[in-house]
Amino acid sequence: MARNQQPVTEEELEEATEKLEELREEIREDLAADLGGDPEDYDATRRPVADGGE
């Protein structure tokens, strides 16, 4: 890694965020296909609720 890199621009950050979200969605779909359930069941950004509800 180069030490004299320029700061990341807002555009680059937004693009990277979009790509990461697309990858996360693809992984959730793959997990649901392999393990069963819905892709939303594998969403790591959602916090589990003790009673199993939303």
PDB file of N, CA and C in Angstrom:
ATOM      1  N   MET A   1       0.824  -1.179   0.000  1.00  0.00           N
ATOM      2  CA  MET A   1       0.000   0.000   0.000  1.00  0.00           C
ATOM      3  C   MET A   1       0.870   1.244   0.000  1.00  0.00           C
ATOM      4  N   ALA A   2       0.531   2.178  -0.827  1.00  0.00           N
ATOM      5  CA  ALA A   2       1.297   3.419  -0.888  1.00  0.00           C
ATOM      6  C   ALA A   2       0.928   4.318   0.288  1.00  0.00           C
ATOM      7  N   ARG A   3       1.914   4.962   0.829  1.00  0.00           N
ATOM      8  CA  ARG A   3       1.657   5.829   1.974  1.00  0.00           C
ATOM      9  C   ARG A   3       1.263   7.245   1.561  1.00  0.00           C
ATOM     10  N   ASN A   4       1.555   7.632   0.358  1.00  0.00           N
ATOM     11  CA  ASN A   4       1.266   8.992  -0.083  1.00  0.00           C
ATOM     12  C   ASN A   4       0.023   9.058  -0.956  1.00  0.00           C
ATOM     13  N   GLN A   5      -1.015   8.353  -0.571  1.00  0.00           N
ATOM     14  CA  GLN A   5      -2.259   8.354  -1.333  1.00  0.00           C
ATOM     15  C   GLN A   5      -3.054   9.627  -1.050  1.00  0.00           C
ATOM     16  N   GLN A   6      -3.839  10.005  -2.035  1.00  0.00           N
ATOM     17  CA  GLN A   6      -4.740  11.142  -1.865  1.00  0.00           C
ATOM     18  C   GLN A   6      -5.967  10.680  -1.073  1.00  0.00           C
ATOM     19  N   PRO A   7      -6.638  11.596  -0.394  1.00  0.00           N
ATOM     20  CA  PRO A   7      -7.856  11.215   0.336  1.00  0.00           C
ATOM     21  C   PRO A   7      -8.907  10.675  -0.631  1.00  0.00           C
ATOM     22  N   VAL A   8      -9.748   9.800  -0.110  1.00  0.00           N
ATOM     23  CA  VAL A   8     -10.828   9.229  -0.904  1.00  0.00           C
ATOM     24  C   VAL A   8     -11.884  10.305  -1.129  1.00  0.00           C
ATOM     25  N   THR A   9     -12.356  10.402  -2.370  1.00  0.00           N
ATOM     26  CA  THR A   9     -13.389  11.391  -2.671  1.00  0.00           C
ATOM     27  C   THR A   9     -14.757  10.851  -2.264  1.00  0.00           C
ATOM     28  N   GLU A  10     -15.723  11.729  -2.131  1.00  0.00           N
ATOM     29  CA  GLU A  10     -17.096  11.334  -1.809  1.00  0.00           C
ATOM     30  C   GLU A  10     -17.623  10.368  -2.866  1.00  0.00           C
ATOM     31  N   GLU A  11     -17.312  10.643  -4.127  1.00  0.00           N
ATOM     32  CA  GLU A  11     -17.776   9.793  -5.225  1.00  0.00           C
ATOM     33  C   GLU A  11     -17.204   8.382  -5.095  1.00  0.00           C
ATOM     34  N   GLU A  12     -15.921   8.279  -4.788  1.00  0.00           N
ATOM     35  CA  GLU A  12     -15.287   6.968  -4.620  1.00  0.00           C
ATOM     36  C   GLU A  12     -15.878   6.233  -3.426  1.00  0.00           C
ATOM     37  N   LEU A  13     -16.148   6.956  -2.370  1.00  0.00           N
ATOM     38  CA  LEU A  13     -16.730   6.359  -1.171  1.00  0.00           C
ATOM     39  C   LEU A  13     -18.140   5.840  -1.452  1.00  0.00           C
ATOM     40  N   GLU A  14     -18.941   6.617  -2.164  1.00  0.00           N
ATOM     41  CA  GLU A  14     -20.292   6.197  -2.513  1.00  0.00           C
ATOM     42  C   GLU A  14     -20.262   4.963  -3.411  1.00  0.00           C
ATOM     43  N   GLU A  15     -19.352   4.944  -4.369  1.00  0.00           N
ATOM     44  CA  GLU A  15     -19.221   3.802  -5.279  1.00  0.00           C
ATOM     45  C   GLU A  15     -18.829   2.540  -4.511  1.00  0.00           C
ATOM     46  N   ALA A  16     -17.894   2.669  -3.598  1.00  0.00           N
ATOM     47  CA  ALA A  16     -17.464   1.527  -2.794  1.00  0.00           C
ATOM     48  C   ALA A  16     -18.603   1.035  -1.908  1.00  0.00           C
ATOM     49  N   THR A  17     -19.358   1.951  -1.339  1.00  0.00           N
ATOM     50  CA  THR A  17     -20.491   1.583  -0.492  1.00  0.00           C
ATOM     51  C   THR A  17     -21.543   0.829  -1.292  1.00  0.00           C
ATOM     52  N   GLU A  18     -21.828   1.281  -2.499  1.00  0.00           N
ATOM     53  CA  GLU A  18     -22.799   0.601  -3.361  1.00  0.00           C
ATOM     54  C   GLU A  18     -22.321  -0.810  -3.706  1.00  0.00           C
ATOM     55  N   LYS A  19     -21.041  -0.942  -4.041  1.00  0.00           N
ATOM     56  CA  LYS A  19     -20.496  -2.257  -4.380  1.00  0.00           C
ATOM     57  C   LYS A  19     -20.555  -3.205  -3.187  1.00  0.00           C
ATOM     58  N   LEU A  20     -20.266  -2.691  -2.002  1.00  0.00           N
ATOM     59  CA  LEU A  20     -20.339  -3.524  -0.805  1.00  0.00           C
ATOM     60  C   LEU A  20     -21.770  -3.976  -0.536  1.00  0.00           C
ATOM     61  N   GLU A  21     -22.727  -3.089  -0.708  1.00  0.00           N
ATOM     62  CA  GLU A  21     -24.128  -3.453  -0.495  1.00  0.00           C
ATOM     63  C   GLU A  21     -24.568  -4.515  -1.498  1.00  0.00           C
ATOM     64  N   GLU A  22     -24.147  -4.391  -2.748  1.00  0.00           N
ATOM     65  CA  GLU A  22     -24.468  -5.402  -3.757  1.00  0.00           C
ATOM     66  C   GLU A  22     -23.869  -6.746  -3.367  1.00  0.00           C
ATOM     67  N   LEU A  23     -22.646  -6.744  -2.881  1.00  0.00           N
ATOM     68  CA  LEU A  23     -21.984  -7.974  -2.457  1.00  0.00           C
ATOM     69  C   LEU A  23     -22.705  -8.582  -1.253  1.00  0.00           C
ATOM     70  N   ARG A  24     -23.091  -7.763  -0.289  1.00  0.00           N
ATOM     71  CA  ARG A  24     -23.805  -8.249   0.888  1.00  0.00           C
ATOM     72  C   ARG A  24     -25.127  -8.887   0.482  1.00  0.00           C
ATOM     73  N   GLU A  25     -25.837  -8.271  -0.474  1.00  0.00           N
ATOM     74  CA  GLU A  25     -27.099  -8.817  -0.943  1.00  0.00           C
ATOM     75  C   GLU A  25     -26.892 -10.173  -1.617  1.00  0.00           C
ATOM     76  N   GLU A  26     -25.865 -10.261  -2.437  1.00  0.00           N
ATOM     77  CA  GLU A  26     -25.551 -11.518  -3.120  1.00  0.00           C
ATOM     78  C   GLU A  26     -25.223 -12.626  -2.110  1.00  0.00           C
ATOM     79  N   ILE A  27     -24.466 -12.274  -1.091  1.00  0.00           N
ATOM     80  CA  ILE A  27     -24.102 -13.255  -0.064  1.00  0.00           C
ATOM     81  C   ILE A  27     -25.335 -13.715   0.699  1.00  0.00           C
ATOM     82  N   ARG A  28     -26.233 -12.776   1.055  1.00  0.00           N
ATOM     83  CA  ARG A  28     -27.468 -13.158   1.750  1.00  0.00           C
ATOM     84  C   ARG A  28     -28.299 -14.110   0.905  1.00  0.00           C
ATOM     85  N   GLU A  29     -28.392 -13.837  -0.405  1.00  0.00           N
ATOM     86  CA  GLU A  29     -29.147 -14.709  -1.300  1.00  0.00           C
ATOM     87  C   GLU A  29     -28.513 -16.091  -1.383  1.00  0.00           C
ATOM     88  N   ASP A  30     -27.188 -16.153  -1.459  1.00  0.00           N
ATOM     89  CA  ASP A  30     -26.483 -17.430  -1.508  1.00  0.00           C
ATOM     90  C   ASP A  30     -26.672 -18.223  -0.217  1.00  0.00           C
ATOM     91  N   LEU A  31     -26.597 -17.546   0.915  1.00  0.00           N
ATOM     92  CA  LEU A  31     -26.806 -18.222   2.192  1.00  0.00           C
ATOM     93  C   LEU A  31     -28.217 -18.789   2.284  1.00  0.00           C
ATOM     94  N   ALA A  32     -29.208 -18.015   1.859  1.00  0.00           N
ATOM     95  CA  ALA A  32     -30.587 -18.485   1.893  1.00  0.00           C
ATOM     96  C   ALA A  32     -30.770 -19.695   0.981  1.00  0.00           C
ATOM     97  N   ALA A  33     -30.132 -19.685  -0.180  1.00  0.00           N
ATOM     98  CA  ALA A  33     -30.240 -20.816  -1.109  1.00  0.00           C
ATOM     99  C   ALA A  33     -29.565 -22.058  -0.532  1.00  0.00           C
ATOM    100  N   ASP A  34     -28.434 -21.871   0.120  1.00  0.00           N
ATOM    101  CA  ASP A  34     -27.681 -23.012   0.657  1.00  0.00           C
ATOM    102  C   ASP A  34     -28.241 -23.520   1.984  1.00  0.00           C
ATOM    103  N   LEU A  35     -28.683 -22.601   2.843  1.00  0.00           N
ATOM    104  CA  LEU A  35     -29.065 -22.977   4.204  1.00  0.00           C
ATOM    105  C   LEU A  35     -30.568 -22.923   4.459  1.00  0.00           C
ATOM    106  N   GLY A  36     -31.316 -22.337   3.523  1.00  0.00           N
ATOM    107  CA  GLY A  36     -32.758 -22.204   3.691  1.00  0.00           C
ATOM    108  C   GLY A  36     -33.124 -20.872   4.312  1.00  0.00           C
ATOM    109  N   GLY A  37     -34.385 -20.560   4.239  1.00  0.00           N
ATOM    110  CA  GLY A  37     -34.870 -19.307   4.783  1.00  0.00           C
ATOM    111  C   GLY A  37     -34.878 -18.218   3.739  1.00  0.00           C
ATOM    112  N   ASP A  38     -35.105 -17.011   4.201  1.00  0.00           N
ATOM    113  CA  ASP A  38     -35.143 -15.834   3.335  1.00  0.00           C
ATOM    114  C   ASP A  38     -33.820 -15.094   3.421  1.00  0.00           C
ATOM    115  N   PRO A  39     -33.441 -14.391   2.345  1.00  0.00           N
ATOM    116  CA  PRO A  39     -32.201 -13.604   2.403  1.00  0.00           C
ATOM    117  C   PRO A  39     -32.176 -12.621   3.578  1.00  0.00           C
ATOM    118  N   GLU A  40     -33.343 -12.090   3.945  1.00  0.00           N
ATOM    119  CA  GLU A  40     -33.403 -11.138   5.061  1.00  0.00           C
ATOM    120  C   GLU A  40     -32.994 -11.783   6.379  1.00  0.00           C
ATOM    121  N   ASP A  41     -33.147 -13.125   6.452  1.00  0.00           N
ATOM    122  CA  ASP A  41     -32.748 -13.840   7.670  1.00  0.00           C
ATOM    123  C   ASP A  41     -31.248 -13.735   7.918  1.00  0.00           C
ATOM    124  N   TYR A  42     -30.491 -13.433   6.891  1.00  0.00           N
ATOM    125  CA  TYR A  42     -29.026 -13.397   6.982  1.00  0.00           C
ATOM    126  C   TYR A  42     -28.479 -11.973   6.908  1.00  0.00           C
ATOM    127  N   ASP A  43     -29.320 -11.000   7.219  1.00  0.00           N
ATOM    128  CA  ASP A  43     -28.918  -9.591   7.180  1.00  0.00           C
ATOM    129  C   ASP A  43     -28.236  -9.224   8.492  1.00  0.00           C
ATOM    130  N   ALA A  44     -26.936  -9.060   8.444  1.00  0.00           N
ATOM    131  CA  ALA A  44     -26.159  -8.778   9.654  1.00  0.00           C
ATOM    132  C   ALA A  44     -26.394  -7.383  10.205  1.00  0.00           C
ATOM    133  N   THR A  45     -27.048  -6.504   9.443  1.00  0.00           N
ATOM    134  CA  THR A  45     -27.287  -5.151   9.939  1.00  0.00           C
ATOM    135  C   THR A  45     -28.524  -5.088  10.821  1.00  0.00           C
ATOM    136  N   ARG A  46     -29.360  -6.133  10.756  1.00  0.00           N
ATOM    137  CA  ARG A  46     -30.549  -6.171  11.606  1.00  0.00           C
ATOM    138  C   ARG A  46     -30.185  -6.766  12.949  1.00  0.00           C
ATOM    139  N   ARG A  47     -30.734  -6.184  13.979  1.00  0.00           N
ATOM    140  CA  ARG A  47     -30.458  -6.692  15.318  1.00  0.00           C
ATOM    141  C   ARG A  47     -31.542  -7.695  15.706  1.00  0.00           C
ATOM    142  N   PRO A  48     -31.140  -8.841  16.248  1.00  0.00           N
ATOM    143  CA  PRO A  48     -32.133  -9.821  16.687  1.00  0.00           C
ATOM    144  C   PRO A  48     -32.919  -9.300  17.878  1.00  0.00           C
ATOM    145  N   VAL A  49     -34.153  -9.732  17.952  1.00  0.00           N
ATOM    146  CA  VAL A  49     -35.025  -9.350  19.063  1.00  0.00           C
ATOM    147  C   VAL A  49     -35.231 -10.589  19.926  1.00  0.00           C
ATOM    148  N   ALA A  50     -35.194 -10.419  21.239  1.00  0.00           N
ATOM    149  CA  ALA A  50     -35.252 -11.551  22.145  1.00  0.00           C
ATOM    150  C   ALA A  50     -36.474 -12.439  21.937  1.00  0.00           C
ATOM    151  N   ASP A  51     -37.624 -11.845  21.601  1.00  0.00           N
ATOM    152  CA  ASP A  51     -38.832 -12.655  21.431  1.00  0.00           C
ATOM    153  C   ASP A  51     -38.958 -13.189  20.010  1.00  0.00           C
ATOM    154  N   GLY A  52     -37.988 -12.929  19.167  1.00  0.00           N
ATOM    155  CA  GLY A  52     -38.005 -13.422  17.794  1.00  0.00           C
ATOM    156  C   GLY A  52     -38.806 -12.547  16.846  1.00  0.00           C
ATOM    157  N   GLY A  53     -39.360 -11.456  17.330  1.00  0.00           N
ATOM    158  CA  GLY A  53     -40.168 -10.568  16.496  1.00  0.00           C
ATOM    159  C   GLY A  53     -39.318  -9.559  15.760  1.00  0.00           C
ATOM    160  N   GLU A  54     -39.986  -8.661  15.110  1.00  0.00           N
ATOM    161  CA  GLU A  54     -39.291  -7.622  14.333  1.00  0.00           C
ATOM    162  C   GLU A  54     -38.757  -6.527  15.229  1.00  0.00           C
TER     163      GLU A  54
END
